[in-house]
Amino acid sequence: MTSPQLAADAPAVGCCAPGALPLGDEQAAELARVFKALGDPARVKLFSLIAASESGEMCVCDLTDPVGLSQPTVSHHMKLLVDAGLVTREQRGRWAYYAPTPGPLLAAVRYLAEP
């Protein structure tokens, strides 16, 4: 029979020790911003359309029909993608042009996938 005192003196060993340090608050907030921006199917589709474009950029006027949304709604979604750093926005006259910046998405995946 094991004495309760002996068990209490034994070093505490967790069942699952973390292999690496968890993300800091700032990194976690940045990752959440990226994933939140991609948390809507319309934004995922918009990002994929821009990333797949032959010219490497797309005008907002060319993004409305493929997603079936109005221009103001597409602009709202694009603002969230810009704020998350997933695309850049360049104003040319009346139209806004968007280009993908895959760095934040790749960084987010790397943070979570690498040990």
Protein backbone atom coordinates (compact mmCIF):
# COMPACT_ATOMS: atom_id res chain seq x y z
CA MET A 1 0.00 0.00 0.00
CA THR A 2 1.40 3.41 -0.93
CA SER A 3 1.53 6.03 1.72
CA PRO A 4 -0.35 9.27 0.87
CA GLN A 5 2.68 11.15 2.15
CA LEU A 6 5.01 9.44 -0.35
CA ALA A 7 2.70 10.27 -3.23
CA ALA A 8 2.58 13.91 -2.15
CA ASP A 9 6.39 14.10 -2.01
CA ALA A 10 6.80 12.73 -5.54
CA PRO A 11 7.52 15.33 -8.21
CA ALA A 12 4.44 16.40 -10.12
CA VAL A 13 4.51 15.19 -13.69
CA GLY A 14 1.83 16.40 -16.03
CA CYS A 15 0.30 14.02 -18.48
CA CYS A 16 1.02 16.34 -21.39
CA ALA A 17 4.00 18.63 -21.13
CA PRO A 18 4.05 21.38 -23.77
CA GLY A 19 6.73 20.87 -26.40
CA ALA A 20 7.20 24.54 -27.18
CA LEU A 21 6.32 27.85 -25.66
CA PRO A 22 2.80 29.04 -26.52
CA LEU A 23 2.25 32.16 -28.56
CA GLY A 24 2.48 35.48 -26.80
CA ASP A 25 -0.53 37.76 -26.56
CA GLU A 26 0.58 39.94 -29.47
CA GLN A 27 1.27 36.98 -31.76
CA ALA A 28 -2.03 35.36 -30.83
CA ALA A 29 -3.92 38.58 -31.59
CA GLU A 30 -2.19 38.88 -34.97
CA LEU A 31 -3.00 35.28 -35.87
CA ALA A 32 -6.60 35.72 -34.75
CA ARG A 33 -6.92 38.77 -37.01
CA VAL A 34 -5.76 36.73 -40.02
CA PHE A 35 -8.02 33.78 -39.26
CA LYS A 36 -10.97 36.04 -38.44
CA ALA A 37 -10.56 37.77 -41.80
CA LEU A 38 -10.72 34.36 -43.47
CA GLY A 39 -13.63 33.25 -41.30
CA ASP A 40 -16.18 34.20 -43.92
CA PRO A 41 -16.63 32.17 -47.14
CA ALA A 42 -16.99 35.33 -49.24
CA ARG A 43 -13.63 36.66 -48.01
CA VAL A 44 -11.94 33.32 -48.64
CA LYS A 45 -13.31 33.36 -52.18
CA LEU A 46 -12.25 36.99 -52.72
CA PHE A 47 -8.73 36.24 -51.47
CA SER A 48 -8.48 33.17 -53.70
CA LEU A 49 -9.70 35.12 -56.75
CA ILE A 50 -7.06 37.80 -56.24
CA ALA A 51 -4.30 35.29 -55.50
CA ALA A 52 -5.17 33.34 -58.66
CA SER A 53 -5.38 36.35 -60.98
CA GLU A 54 -2.93 36.35 -63.87
CA SER A 55 -1.92 39.97 -63.29
CA GLY A 56 -1.42 39.49 -59.56
CA GLU A 57 -4.09 42.06 -58.75
CA MET A 58 -7.79 42.69 -59.29
CA CYS A 59 -10.04 45.71 -59.44
CA VAL A 60 -12.95 45.79 -57.04
CA CYS A 61 -15.21 46.16 -60.08
CA ASP A 62 -14.16 42.65 -61.21
CA LEU A 63 -14.79 41.05 -57.83
CA THR A 64 -18.53 41.65 -57.45
CA ASP A 65 -19.88 39.20 -60.06
CA PRO A 66 -17.80 36.14 -59.06
CA VAL A 67 -19.01 36.34 -55.45
CA GLY A 68 -22.52 37.61 -56.24
CA LEU A 69 -22.31 40.54 -53.85
CA SER A 70 -22.82 44.27 -54.28
CA GLN A 71 -19.82 46.57 -54.63
CA PRO A 72 -20.28 48.11 -51.15
CA THR A 73 -20.41 44.63 -49.58
CA VAL A 74 -17.30 43.51 -51.48
CA SER A 75 -15.54 46.71 -50.40
CA HIS A 76 -16.42 45.95 -46.77
CA HIS A 77 -15.00 42.44 -47.06
CA MET A 78 -11.90 43.77 -48.79
CA LYS A 79 -11.33 46.29 -45.99
CA LEU A 80 -11.21 43.43 -43.50
CA LEU A 81 -8.70 41.56 -45.69
CA VAL A 82 -6.58 44.72 -45.96
CA ASP A 83 -6.75 45.30 -42.19
CA ALA A 84 -5.55 41.73 -41.62
CA GLY A 85 -2.62 42.34 -43.99
CA LEU A 86 -3.75 39.67 -46.45
CA VAL A 87 -4.10 42.07 -49.38
CA THR A 88 -2.89 45.53 -50.31
CA ARG A 89 -5.12 48.24 -51.72
CA GLU A 90 -4.14 50.81 -54.31
CA GLN A 91 -6.54 53.55 -55.39
CA ARG A 92 -6.42 54.33 -59.11
CA GLY A 93 -8.86 57.05 -59.93
CA ARG A 94 -12.32 55.81 -59.06
CA TRP A 95 -11.37 52.15 -58.59
CA ALA A 96 -9.48 50.25 -55.92
CA TYR A 97 -7.07 47.49 -56.95
CA TYR A 98 -6.13 44.68 -54.61
CA ALA A 99 -3.05 42.46 -54.60
CA PRO A 100 -2.42 39.47 -52.32
CA THR A 101 0.21 39.55 -49.61
CA PRO A 102 0.57 35.89 -48.63
CA GLY A 103 3.13 36.58 -45.89
CA PRO A 104 0.64 36.92 -43.00
CA LEU A 105 -1.19 33.74 -44.01
CA LEU A 106 2.03 31.77 -44.40
CA ALA A 107 3.27 33.08 -41.05
CA ALA A 108 0.01 32.09 -39.35
CA VAL A 109 0.22 28.57 -40.72
CA ARG A 110 3.90 28.32 -39.80
CA TYR A 111 3.26 29.43 -36.20
CA LEU A 112 0.66 26.74 -35.72
CA ALA A 113 2.17 23.93 -37.79
CA GLU A 114 5.80 23.99 -36.71
CA PRO A 115 6.75 22.54 -33.34
